[in-house]
Amino acid sequence: MSSEGSVPLGEQSFVASTTDQSVWVRVAVKGGVLGVQLEPAVMHRPGHEIAARIVACADVAYLEGQVALRDHAEQAHVDPESLAGIATRTDLEQARARLREL
């Protein structure tokens, strides 16, 4: 989910959370993690489980940004070969499925 539709794509950020909303991660469209929020409900879990949730949320948020970039490029009729390294909706859906499994 993009943070603000009126903000240029290059300045947007994307947020993902666990299904129980105990872990939230915000990622810039360029891939940098802007913030991590841990709710009290997750704090009883072992550290490696919390880390796995943070990484899975970051993956989803990052891929949402990459898919937004791909969509923007496709709308601008960029040569499809130039998009070869940019994530697809399939990549995003696979990351979302991994996040749901946690």
C-alpha atoms as a PDB file:
ATOM      1  CA  MET A   1       0.000   0.000   0.000  1.00  0.00           C
ATOM      2  CA  SER A   2       1.466   3.311  -1.057  1.00  0.00           C
ATOM      3  CA  SER A   3       1.713   5.974   1.588  1.00  0.00           C
ATOM      4  CA  GLU A   4       0.451   8.869  -0.498  1.00  0.00           C
ATOM      5  CA  GLY A   5      -0.948   8.834  -4.029  1.00  0.00           C
ATOM      6  CA  SER A   6      -0.161  12.496  -4.722  1.00  0.00           C
ATOM      7  CA  VAL A   7       3.535  12.077  -3.872  1.00  0.00           C
ATOM      8  CA  PRO A   8       5.820  11.280  -6.827  1.00  0.00           C
ATOM      9  CA  LEU A   9       6.504   7.553  -7.072  1.00  0.00           C
ATOM     10  CA  GLY A  10      10.205   7.996  -6.339  1.00  0.00           C
ATOM     11  CA  GLU A  11       9.334   9.534  -2.966  1.00  0.00           C
ATOM     12  CA  GLN A  12       6.634   7.079  -1.903  1.00  0.00           C
ATOM     13  CA  SER A  13       6.896   4.387   0.713  1.00  0.00           C
ATOM     14  CA  PHE A  14       5.089   1.110   1.177  1.00  0.00           C
ATOM     15  CA  VAL A  15       3.907  -0.613   4.347  1.00  0.00           C
ATOM     16  CA  ALA A  16       3.322  -4.264   5.147  1.00  0.00           C
ATOM     17  CA  SER A  17       2.250  -5.977   8.342  1.00  0.00           C
ATOM     18  CA  THR A  18       1.761  -9.458   9.687  1.00  0.00           C
ATOM     19  CA  THR A  19      -1.786 -10.798   9.601  1.00  0.00           C
ATOM     20  CA  ASP A  20      -2.112 -10.229  13.349  1.00  0.00           C
ATOM     21  CA  GLN A  21      -0.755  -6.686  12.878  1.00  0.00           C
ATOM     22  CA  SER A  22       1.931  -7.226  15.496  1.00  0.00           C
ATOM     23  CA  VAL A  23       4.792  -6.301  13.124  1.00  0.00           C
ATOM     24  CA  TRP A  24       4.785  -3.363  10.689  1.00  0.00           C
ATOM     25  CA  VAL A  25       7.529  -2.328   8.278  1.00  0.00           C
ATOM     26  CA  ARG A  26       7.699   0.766   6.036  1.00  0.00           C
ATOM     27  CA  VAL A  27      10.044   0.670   3.026  1.00  0.00           C
ATOM     28  CA  ALA A  28      10.972   3.436   0.578  1.00  0.00           C
ATOM     29  CA  VAL A  29      10.286   2.710  -3.081  1.00  0.00           C
ATOM     30  CA  LYS A  30      14.062   2.589  -3.577  1.00  0.00           C
ATOM     31  CA  GLY A  31      14.280  -0.246  -1.019  1.00  0.00           C
ATOM     32  CA  GLY A  32      15.503   1.314   2.213  1.00  0.00           C
ATOM     33  CA  VAL A  33      13.708   0.364   5.416  1.00  0.00           C
ATOM     34  CA  LEU A  34      12.231   3.529   6.907  1.00  0.00           C
ATOM     35  CA  GLY A  35      10.742   2.047  10.033  1.00  0.00           C
ATOM     36  CA  VAL A  36       9.814  -1.047  11.989  1.00  0.00           C
ATOM     37  CA  GLN A  37       7.028  -1.154  14.553  1.00  0.00           C
ATOM     38  CA  LEU A  38       6.640  -4.048  16.973  1.00  0.00           C
ATOM     39  CA  GLU A  39       3.433  -4.345  18.957  1.00  0.00           C
ATOM     40  CA  PRO A  40       3.407  -5.866  22.463  1.00  0.00           C
ATOM     41  CA  ALA A  41       1.777  -9.068  21.161  1.00  0.00           C
ATOM     42  CA  VAL A  42       4.926 -10.091  19.269  1.00  0.00           C
ATOM     43  CA  MET A  43       7.350  -9.457  22.107  1.00  0.00           C
ATOM     44  CA  HIS A  44       6.790 -12.872  23.721  1.00  0.00           C
ATOM     45  CA  ARG A  45       8.171 -14.637  20.633  1.00  0.00           C
ATOM     46  CA  PRO A  46      11.800 -15.759  20.284  1.00  0.00           C
ATOM     47  CA  GLY A  47      14.080 -13.282  18.538  1.00  0.00           C
ATOM     48  CA  HIS A  48      14.472 -15.357  15.390  1.00  0.00           C
ATOM     49  CA  GLU A  49      10.692 -15.477  14.918  1.00  0.00           C
ATOM     50  CA  ILE A  50      10.409 -11.707  15.310  1.00  0.00           C
ATOM     51  CA  ALA A  51      13.264 -11.264  12.831  1.00  0.00           C
ATOM     52  CA  ALA A  52      11.546 -13.573  10.317  1.00  0.00           C
ATOM     53  CA  ARG A  53       8.375 -11.485  10.561  1.00  0.00           C
ATOM     54  CA  ILE A  54      10.301  -8.235  10.093  1.00  0.00           C
ATOM     55  CA  VAL A  55      12.085  -9.604   7.022  1.00  0.00           C
ATOM     56  CA  ALA A  56       8.861 -10.976   5.510  1.00  0.00           C
ATOM     57  CA  CYS A  57       7.106  -7.631   5.999  1.00  0.00           C
ATOM     58  CA  ALA A  58      10.076  -5.792   4.500  1.00  0.00           C
ATOM     59  CA  ASP A  59      10.030  -8.140   1.494  1.00  0.00           C
ATOM     60  CA  VAL A  60       6.347  -7.478   0.819  1.00  0.00           C
ATOM     61  CA  ALA A  61       6.650  -3.711   1.213  1.00  0.00           C
ATOM     62  CA  TYR A  62       9.762  -3.630  -1.004  1.00  0.00           C
ATOM     63  CA  LEU A  63       8.100  -5.741  -3.687  1.00  0.00           C
ATOM     64  CA  GLU A  64       5.001  -3.525  -3.618  1.00  0.00           C
ATOM     65  CA  GLY A  65       7.292  -0.621  -4.476  1.00  0.00           C
ATOM     66  CA  GLN A  66       9.019  -2.595  -7.216  1.00  0.00           C
ATOM     67  CA  VAL A  67       5.687  -3.591  -8.761  1.00  0.00           C
ATOM     68  CA  ALA A  68       4.600   0.063  -8.651  1.00  0.00           C
ATOM     69  CA  LEU A  69       7.812   0.978 -10.506  1.00  0.00           C
ATOM     70  CA  ARG A  70       7.175  -1.772 -13.049  1.00  0.00           C
ATOM     71  CA  ASP A  71       3.589  -0.610 -13.579  1.00  0.00           C
ATOM     72  CA  HIS A  72       4.787   2.969 -14.053  1.00  0.00           C
ATOM     73  CA  ALA A  73       7.426   1.866 -16.580  1.00  0.00           C
ATOM     74  CA  GLU A  74       4.953  -0.301 -18.484  1.00  0.00           C
ATOM     75  CA  GLN A  75       2.497   2.596 -18.699  1.00  0.00           C
ATOM     76  CA  ALA A  76       5.344   4.699 -20.120  1.00  0.00           C
ATOM     77  CA  HIS A  77       5.950   1.966 -22.746  1.00  0.00           C
ATOM     78  CA  VAL A  78       9.484   1.202 -21.569  1.00  0.00           C
ATOM     79  CA  ASP A  79      11.171  -1.596 -23.511  1.00  0.00           C
ATOM     80  CA  PRO A  80      10.133  -4.856 -21.799  1.00  0.00           C
ATOM     81  CA  GLU A  81      13.740  -6.085 -21.838  1.00  0.00           C
ATOM     82  CA  SER A  82      14.596  -3.159 -19.550  1.00  0.00           C
ATOM     83  CA  LEU A  83      12.157  -4.523 -16.975  1.00  0.00           C
ATOM     84  CA  ALA A  84      13.768  -7.957 -16.742  1.00  0.00           C
ATOM     85  CA  GLY A  85      15.255  -7.350 -13.281  1.00  0.00           C
ATOM     86  CA  ILE A  86      12.215  -5.669 -11.744  1.00  0.00           C
ATOM     87  CA  ALA A  87       9.891  -7.735  -9.565  1.00  0.00           C
ATOM     88  CA  THR A  88       6.569  -8.921 -10.938  1.00  0.00           C
ATOM     89  CA  ARG A  89       3.131  -9.296  -9.388  1.00  0.00           C
ATOM     90  CA  THR A  90       3.888 -13.017  -9.104  1.00  0.00           C
ATOM     91  CA  ASP A  91       6.954 -12.221  -6.976  1.00  0.00           C
ATOM     92  CA  LEU A  92       4.788  -9.987  -4.789  1.00  0.00           C
ATOM     93  CA  GLU A  93       2.067 -12.614  -4.392  1.00  0.00           C
ATOM     94  CA  GLN A  94       4.651 -15.232  -3.413  1.00  0.00           C
ATOM     95  CA  ALA A  95       6.062 -12.879  -0.756  1.00  0.00           C
ATOM     96  CA  ARG A  96       2.552 -12.163   0.531  1.00  0.00           C
ATOM     97  CA  ALA A  97       1.893 -15.902   0.796  1.00  0.00           C
ATOM     98  CA  ARG A  98       5.110 -16.380   2.820  1.00  0.00           C
ATOM     99  CA  LEU A  99       4.085 -13.532   5.119  1.00  0.00           C
ATOM    100  CA  ARG A 100       0.622 -15.055   5.658  1.00  0.00           C
ATOM    101  CA  GLU A 101       2.241 -18.357   6.683  1.00  0.00           C
ATOM    102  CA  LEU A 102       4.052 -16.772   9.648  1.00  0.00           C
END
